[in-house]
Amino acid sequence: MNTYHINKGIGRTVEFKGLKAQYLFIFAGGLLGLLICIMIMYIAGVNTYLCLTLGGASSGILIWQTFSLNAKYGEHGLMKLGSQKKHPQYIISRKGIYRYLKTNRQKNSA
């Protein structure tokens, strides 16, 4: 009789070295962007040691910031933070009270 192993990771978020979900994509995209910038600088004729120094420092800052965001906000924290910024502080209603009562009366009588 055949035995089949069930994949227990279905439905879980992507995780690599502690980075979860969107932080992993920020990390990978940031490193790719830095690589492209350093390559352009090198091709443009910027000093090699300056390119290496800027690449190492900026990638170190990127790694540090990504892991600190991951630790601070958690798996869904950046999405929650972004949704809070789009949420209105308060709702402004410029209609008079009479107009609300008038529309409710028409709906109730019909």
C-alpha atoms as a PDB file:
ATOM      1  CA  MET A   1       0.000   0.000   0.000  1.00  0.00           C
ATOM      2  CA  ASN A   2       1.281   3.472  -0.880  1.00  0.00           C
ATOM      3  CA  THR A   3       1.844   6.060   1.805  1.00  0.00           C
ATOM      4  CA  TYR A   4       1.582   9.741   1.041  1.00  0.00           C
ATOM      5  CA  HIS A   5       2.996  12.565   3.084  1.00  0.00           C
ATOM      6  CA  ILE A   6       0.788  15.568   3.727  1.00  0.00           C
ATOM      7  CA  ASN A   7       2.341  18.977   3.254  1.00  0.00           C
ATOM      8  CA  LYS A   8       1.695  20.738   6.575  1.00  0.00           C
ATOM      9  CA  GLY A   9       2.901  24.110   5.262  1.00  0.00           C
ATOM     10  CA  ILE A  10      -0.152  24.833   3.109  1.00  0.00           C
ATOM     11  CA  GLY A  11      -1.774  28.116   4.054  1.00  0.00           C
ATOM     12  CA  ARG A  12       1.191  29.407   6.019  1.00  0.00           C
ATOM     13  CA  THR A  13       2.967  32.621   5.153  1.00  0.00           C
ATOM     14  CA  VAL A  14       6.316  32.602   3.427  1.00  0.00           C
ATOM     15  CA  GLU A  15       9.184  32.783   5.909  1.00  0.00           C
ATOM     16  CA  PHE A  16      12.951  32.937   5.461  1.00  0.00           C
ATOM     17  CA  LYS A  17      15.430  33.418   8.312  1.00  0.00           C
ATOM     18  CA  GLY A  18      12.716  35.003  10.460  1.00  0.00           C
ATOM     19  CA  LEU A  19      11.458  37.450   7.827  1.00  0.00           C
ATOM     20  CA  LYS A  20       7.777  36.944   7.168  1.00  0.00           C
ATOM     21  CA  ALA A  21       5.424  37.856   4.340  1.00  0.00           C
ATOM     22  CA  GLN A  22       5.872  41.349   2.896  1.00  0.00           C
ATOM     23  CA  TYR A  23       9.182  41.956   4.695  1.00  0.00           C
ATOM     24  CA  LEU A  24      10.759  39.191   2.659  1.00  0.00           C
ATOM     25  CA  PHE A  25       9.678  40.897  -0.554  1.00  0.00           C
ATOM     26  CA  ILE A  26      10.898  44.287   0.683  1.00  0.00           C
ATOM     27  CA  PHE A  27      14.225  42.687   1.562  1.00  0.00           C
ATOM     28  CA  ALA A  28      14.662  40.922  -1.789  1.00  0.00           C
ATOM     29  CA  GLY A  29      13.483  43.917  -3.827  1.00  0.00           C
ATOM     30  CA  GLY A  30      15.722  46.287  -1.877  1.00  0.00           C
ATOM     31  CA  LEU A  31      18.794  44.130  -2.385  1.00  0.00           C
ATOM     32  CA  LEU A  32      18.025  43.793  -6.083  1.00  0.00           C
ATOM     33  CA  GLY A  33      17.586  47.562  -6.405  1.00  0.00           C
ATOM     34  CA  LEU A  34      20.865  48.185  -4.568  1.00  0.00           C
ATOM     35  CA  LEU A  35      22.662  45.725  -6.823  1.00  0.00           C
ATOM     36  CA  ILE A  36      21.391  47.501  -9.922  1.00  0.00           C
ATOM     37  CA  CYS A  37      22.351  50.936  -8.533  1.00  0.00           C
ATOM     38  CA  ILE A  38      25.866  49.762  -7.667  1.00  0.00           C
ATOM     39  CA  MET A  39      26.270  48.203 -11.111  1.00  0.00           C
ATOM     40  CA  ILE A  40      25.198  51.453 -12.790  1.00  0.00           C
ATOM     41  CA  MET A  41      27.631  53.423 -10.638  1.00  0.00           C
ATOM     42  CA  TYR A  42      30.456  51.025 -11.504  1.00  0.00           C
ATOM     43  CA  ILE A  43      29.707  51.192 -15.230  1.00  0.00           C
ATOM     44  CA  ALA A  44      29.515  55.011 -15.023  1.00  0.00           C
ATOM     45  CA  GLY A  45      33.094  55.058 -13.767  1.00  0.00           C
ATOM     46  CA  VAL A  46      32.720  55.728 -10.053  1.00  0.00           C
ATOM     47  CA  ASN A  47      35.665  54.561  -7.936  1.00  0.00           C
ATOM     48  CA  THR A  48      35.487  50.832  -7.163  1.00  0.00           C
ATOM     49  CA  TYR A  49      36.115  51.273  -3.444  1.00  0.00           C
ATOM     50  CA  LEU A  50      33.391  53.900  -3.224  1.00  0.00           C
ATOM     51  CA  CYS A  51      30.965  51.532  -4.963  1.00  0.00           C
ATOM     52  CA  LEU A  52      31.876  48.718  -2.566  1.00  0.00           C
ATOM     53  CA  THR A  53      31.601  50.963   0.478  1.00  0.00           C
ATOM     54  CA  LEU A  54      28.235  52.410  -0.545  1.00  0.00           C
ATOM     55  CA  GLY A  55      26.931  48.962  -1.483  1.00  0.00           C
ATOM     56  CA  GLY A  56      28.002  47.407   1.804  1.00  0.00           C
ATOM     57  CA  ALA A  57      26.720  50.259   3.956  1.00  0.00           C
ATOM     58  CA  SER A  58      23.383  50.598   2.192  1.00  0.00           C
ATOM     59  CA  SER A  59      22.762  46.840   2.168  1.00  0.00           C
ATOM     60  CA  GLY A  60      23.612  46.690   5.868  1.00  0.00           C
ATOM     61  CA  ILE A  61      21.128  49.480   6.598  1.00  0.00           C
ATOM     62  CA  LEU A  62      18.500  47.735   4.464  1.00  0.00           C
ATOM     63  CA  ILE A  63      18.982  44.449   6.307  1.00  0.00           C
ATOM     64  CA  TRP A  64      18.882  46.159   9.710  1.00  0.00           C
ATOM     65  CA  GLN A  65      15.751  48.174   8.901  1.00  0.00           C
ATOM     66  CA  THR A  66      13.904  45.198   7.423  1.00  0.00           C
ATOM     67  CA  PHE A  67      14.543  43.004  10.443  1.00  0.00           C
ATOM     68  CA  SER A  68      13.626  45.822  12.843  1.00  0.00           C
ATOM     69  CA  LEU A  69      10.336  46.423  10.984  1.00  0.00           C
ATOM     70  CA  ASN A  70       9.646  42.693  11.107  1.00  0.00           C
ATOM     71  CA  ALA A  71      10.250  42.622  14.856  1.00  0.00           C
ATOM     72  CA  LYS A  72       8.247  45.807  15.523  1.00  0.00           C
ATOM     73  CA  TYR A  73       5.128  45.290  13.403  1.00  0.00           C
ATOM     74  CA  GLY A  74       4.925  41.538  12.908  1.00  0.00           C
ATOM     75  CA  GLU A  75       3.464  39.595  10.041  1.00  0.00           C
ATOM     76  CA  HIS A  76       0.547  41.843   9.052  1.00  0.00           C
ATOM     77  CA  GLY A  77       1.673  45.038  10.771  1.00  0.00           C
ATOM     78  CA  LEU A  78       2.641  47.060   7.705  1.00  0.00           C
ATOM     79  CA  MET A  79      -0.714  46.387   6.069  1.00  0.00           C
ATOM     80  CA  LYS A  80      -2.519  47.461   9.252  1.00  0.00           C
ATOM     81  CA  LEU A  81      -0.367  50.587   9.482  1.00  0.00           C
ATOM     82  CA  GLY A  82      -1.134  51.471   5.864  1.00  0.00           C
ATOM     83  CA  SER A  83      -4.854  50.938   6.355  1.00  0.00           C
ATOM     84  CA  GLN A  84      -4.867  53.201   9.420  1.00  0.00           C
ATOM     85  CA  LYS A  85      -3.416  56.027   7.333  1.00  0.00           C
ATOM     86  CA  LYS A  86      -6.196  55.636   4.739  1.00  0.00           C
ATOM     87  CA  HIS A  87      -8.931  55.540   7.384  1.00  0.00           C
ATOM     88  CA  PRO A  88     -10.710  58.870   7.936  1.00  0.00           C
ATOM     89  CA  GLN A  89     -10.129  60.648  11.250  1.00  0.00           C
ATOM     90  CA  TYR A  90     -13.760  61.775  11.433  1.00  0.00           C
ATOM     91  CA  ILE A  91     -16.810  61.852   9.189  1.00  0.00           C
ATOM     92  CA  ILE A  92     -18.219  65.187   8.084  1.00  0.00           C
ATOM     93  CA  SER A  93     -21.926  65.400   7.423  1.00  0.00           C
ATOM     94  CA  ARG A  94     -23.091  68.645   5.865  1.00  0.00           C
ATOM     95  CA  LYS A  95     -26.748  67.693   5.439  1.00  0.00           C
ATOM     96  CA  GLY A  96     -29.302  69.254   7.717  1.00  0.00           C
ATOM     97  CA  ILE A  97     -31.199  67.071  10.161  1.00  0.00           C
ATOM     98  CA  TYR A  98     -34.464  67.828   8.349  1.00  0.00           C
ATOM     99  CA  ARG A  99     -33.152  66.168   5.166  1.00  0.00           C
ATOM    100  CA  TYR A 100     -32.417  62.933   7.016  1.00  0.00           C
ATOM    101  CA  LEU A 101     -35.885  62.881   8.546  1.00  0.00           C
ATOM    102  CA  LYS A 102     -37.479  63.740   5.203  1.00  0.00           C
ATOM    103  CA  THR A 103     -35.796  60.856   3.334  1.00  0.00           C
ATOM    104  CA  ASN A 104     -36.650  58.385   6.113  1.00  0.00           C
ATOM    105  CA  ARG A 105     -40.318  59.372   6.059  1.00  0.00           C
ATOM    106  CA  GLN A 106     -40.516  58.853   2.307  1.00  0.00           C
ATOM    107  CA  LYS A 107     -38.956  55.391   2.539  1.00  0.00           C
ATOM    108  CA  ASN A 108     -41.200  54.321   5.419  1.00  0.00           C
ATOM    109  CA  SER A 109     -44.456  55.469   3.805  1.00  0.00           C
ATOM    110  CA  ALA A 110     -43.787  53.781   0.450  1.00  0.00           C
END
